[in-house]
Every structure is written in C-alpha cells, then in structure tokens.
Amino acid sequence: MEQITNFLSMGNYGAYIWTAYVLTAAVMLGLLVTTLQRLRKNKAELEEFQNIQDSTKQSGHKEETARP
C-alpha cells in the first residue's frame, strides 16, 4: 500500500502531475466529442446536398425525355 501512495505522490509533485493528466484528458475528450458531433453534422449536410442534387438530376432528366 505504501508503494502505491509513494507512486501517487510522485515525490510530492503528485498534485501538479495528476492535475495536468486530468486536464489533458479532459481537453482531449472534449476535442473528441466536438469532432464527432461536427462529423455527424457534416455527414447529414452532405447527405442533404446529395439528395438535392439527385432530385435535381431526376427532374432534369424527366424534362429531357418529355421534350421529343
């Protein structure tokens, strides 16, 4: 048990070291969450644009076949 306590205290710098680890992990987790949210938003937006493009192509194709 004493070895664990000595390890966690990190030579009396444990408070600084563990705070740095926690802050780094929190920032990295925040970056991951915001990146995944932005990815989902961009995928939905891309799908919407593709649907608009497909419907435009289909309506344009129908007009061309109706002309002759």
C-alpha atoms as a PDB file:
ATOM      1  CA  MET A   1       0.000   0.000   0.000  1.00  0.00           C
ATOM      2  CA  GLU A   2       2.884   2.317   0.782  1.00  0.00           C
ATOM      3  CA  GLN A   3       4.324   1.793  -2.705  1.00  0.00           C
ATOM      4  CA  ILE A   4       1.060   2.934  -4.276  1.00  0.00           C
ATOM      5  CA  THR A   5       0.969   6.010  -2.056  1.00  0.00           C
ATOM      6  CA  ASN A   6       4.575   6.831  -2.948  1.00  0.00           C
ATOM      7  CA  PHE A   7       3.815   6.397  -6.640  1.00  0.00           C
ATOM      8  CA  LEU A   8       0.724   8.613  -6.488  1.00  0.00           C
ATOM      9  CA  SER A   9       2.557  11.335  -4.549  1.00  0.00           C
ATOM     10  CA  MET A  10       5.242  11.456  -7.274  1.00  0.00           C
ATOM     11  CA  GLY A  11       7.858  12.848  -4.939  1.00  0.00           C
ATOM     12  CA  ASN A  12       5.461  15.478  -3.534  1.00  0.00           C
ATOM     13  CA  TYR A  13       4.647  16.717  -7.048  1.00  0.00           C
ATOM     14  CA  GLY A  14       1.665  14.405  -7.460  1.00  0.00           C
ATOM     15  CA  ALA A  15      -0.928  17.168  -7.173  1.00  0.00           C
ATOM     16  CA  TYR A  16       0.596  19.025 -10.118  1.00  0.00           C
ATOM     17  CA  ILE A  17       1.250  15.940 -12.210  1.00  0.00           C
ATOM     18  CA  TRP A  18      -2.188  14.369 -11.735  1.00  0.00           C
ATOM     19  CA  THR A  19      -3.891  17.715 -12.337  1.00  0.00           C
ATOM     20  CA  ALA A  20      -2.006  18.017 -15.613  1.00  0.00           C
ATOM     21  CA  TYR A  21      -3.037  14.489 -16.609  1.00  0.00           C
ATOM     22  CA  VAL A  22      -6.693  15.142 -15.757  1.00  0.00           C
ATOM     23  CA  LEU A  23      -6.773  18.457 -17.621  1.00  0.00           C
ATOM     24  CA  THR A  24      -5.082  16.914 -20.650  1.00  0.00           C
ATOM     25  CA  ALA A  25      -7.532  14.013 -20.680  1.00  0.00           C
ATOM     26  CA  ALA A  26     -10.493  16.416 -20.344  1.00  0.00           C
ATOM     27  CA  VAL A  27      -9.294  18.559 -23.254  1.00  0.00           C
ATOM     28  CA  MET A  28      -8.673  15.517 -25.440  1.00  0.00           C
ATOM     29  CA  LEU A  29     -12.098  14.094 -24.579  1.00  0.00           C
ATOM     30  CA  GLY A  30     -13.692  17.452 -25.376  1.00  0.00           C
ATOM     31  CA  LEU A  31     -11.923  17.541 -28.731  1.00  0.00           C
ATOM     32  CA  LEU A  32     -13.100  14.020 -29.498  1.00  0.00           C
ATOM     33  CA  VAL A  33     -16.716  14.832 -28.626  1.00  0.00           C
ATOM     34  CA  THR A  34     -16.807  18.050 -30.657  1.00  0.00           C
ATOM     35  CA  THR A  35     -15.108  16.355 -33.602  1.00  0.00           C
ATOM     36  CA  LEU A  36     -17.646  13.525 -33.614  1.00  0.00           C
ATOM     37  CA  GLN A  37     -20.535  15.997 -33.341  1.00  0.00           C
ATOM     38  CA  ARG A  38     -19.181  18.031 -36.243  1.00  0.00           C
ATOM     39  CA  LEU A  39     -18.648  14.851 -38.270  1.00  0.00           C
ATOM     40  CA  ARG A  40     -22.283  13.800 -37.771  1.00  0.00           C
ATOM     41  CA  LYS A  41     -23.476  17.277 -38.725  1.00  0.00           C
ATOM     42  CA  ASN A  42     -21.302  17.347 -41.847  1.00  0.00           C
ATOM     43  CA  LYS A  43     -22.442  13.873 -42.902  1.00  0.00           C
ATOM     44  CA  ALA A  44     -26.092  14.906 -42.557  1.00  0.00           C
ATOM     45  CA  GLU A  45     -25.437  18.089 -44.526  1.00  0.00           C
ATOM     46  CA  LEU A  46     -23.622  16.169 -47.258  1.00  0.00           C
ATOM     47  CA  GLU A  47     -26.460  13.662 -47.493  1.00  0.00           C
ATOM     48  CA  GLU A  48     -28.938  16.535 -47.794  1.00  0.00           C
ATOM     49  CA  PHE A  49     -26.911  18.109 -50.617  1.00  0.00           C
ATOM     50  CA  GLN A  50     -26.637  14.767 -52.389  1.00  0.00           C
ATOM     51  CA  ASN A  51     -30.405  14.273 -52.134  1.00  0.00           C
ATOM     52  CA  ILE A  52     -30.977  17.738 -53.588  1.00  0.00           C
ATOM     53  CA  GLN A  53     -28.528  17.002 -56.399  1.00  0.00           C
ATOM     54  CA  ASP A  54     -30.162  13.637 -57.125  1.00  0.00           C
ATOM     55  CA  SER A  55     -33.647  15.150 -57.200  1.00  0.00           C
ATOM     56  CA  THR A  56     -32.414  17.937 -59.492  1.00  0.00           C
ATOM     57  CA  LYS A  57     -30.851  15.405 -61.861  1.00  0.00           C
ATOM     58  CA  GLN A  58     -34.014  13.294 -61.874  1.00  0.00           C
ATOM     59  CA  SER A  59     -36.311  16.243 -62.546  1.00  0.00           C
ATOM     60  CA  GLY A  60     -33.954  17.471 -65.284  1.00  0.00           C
ATOM     61  CA  HIS A  61     -33.897  14.009 -66.817  1.00  0.00           C
ATOM     62  CA  LYS A  62     -37.705  13.854 -66.875  1.00  0.00           C
ATOM     63  CA  GLU A  63     -37.885  17.195 -68.676  1.00  0.00           C
ATOM     64  CA  GLU A  64     -35.465  15.986 -71.350  1.00  0.00           C
ATOM     65  CA  THR A  65     -37.487  12.835 -72.022  1.00  0.00           C
ATOM     66  CA  ALA A  66     -40.747  14.804 -72.209  1.00  0.00           C
ATOM     67  CA  ARG A  67     -39.455  17.151 -74.976  1.00  0.00           C
ATOM     68  CA  PRO A  68     -39.385  14.899 -78.088  1.00  0.00           C
END
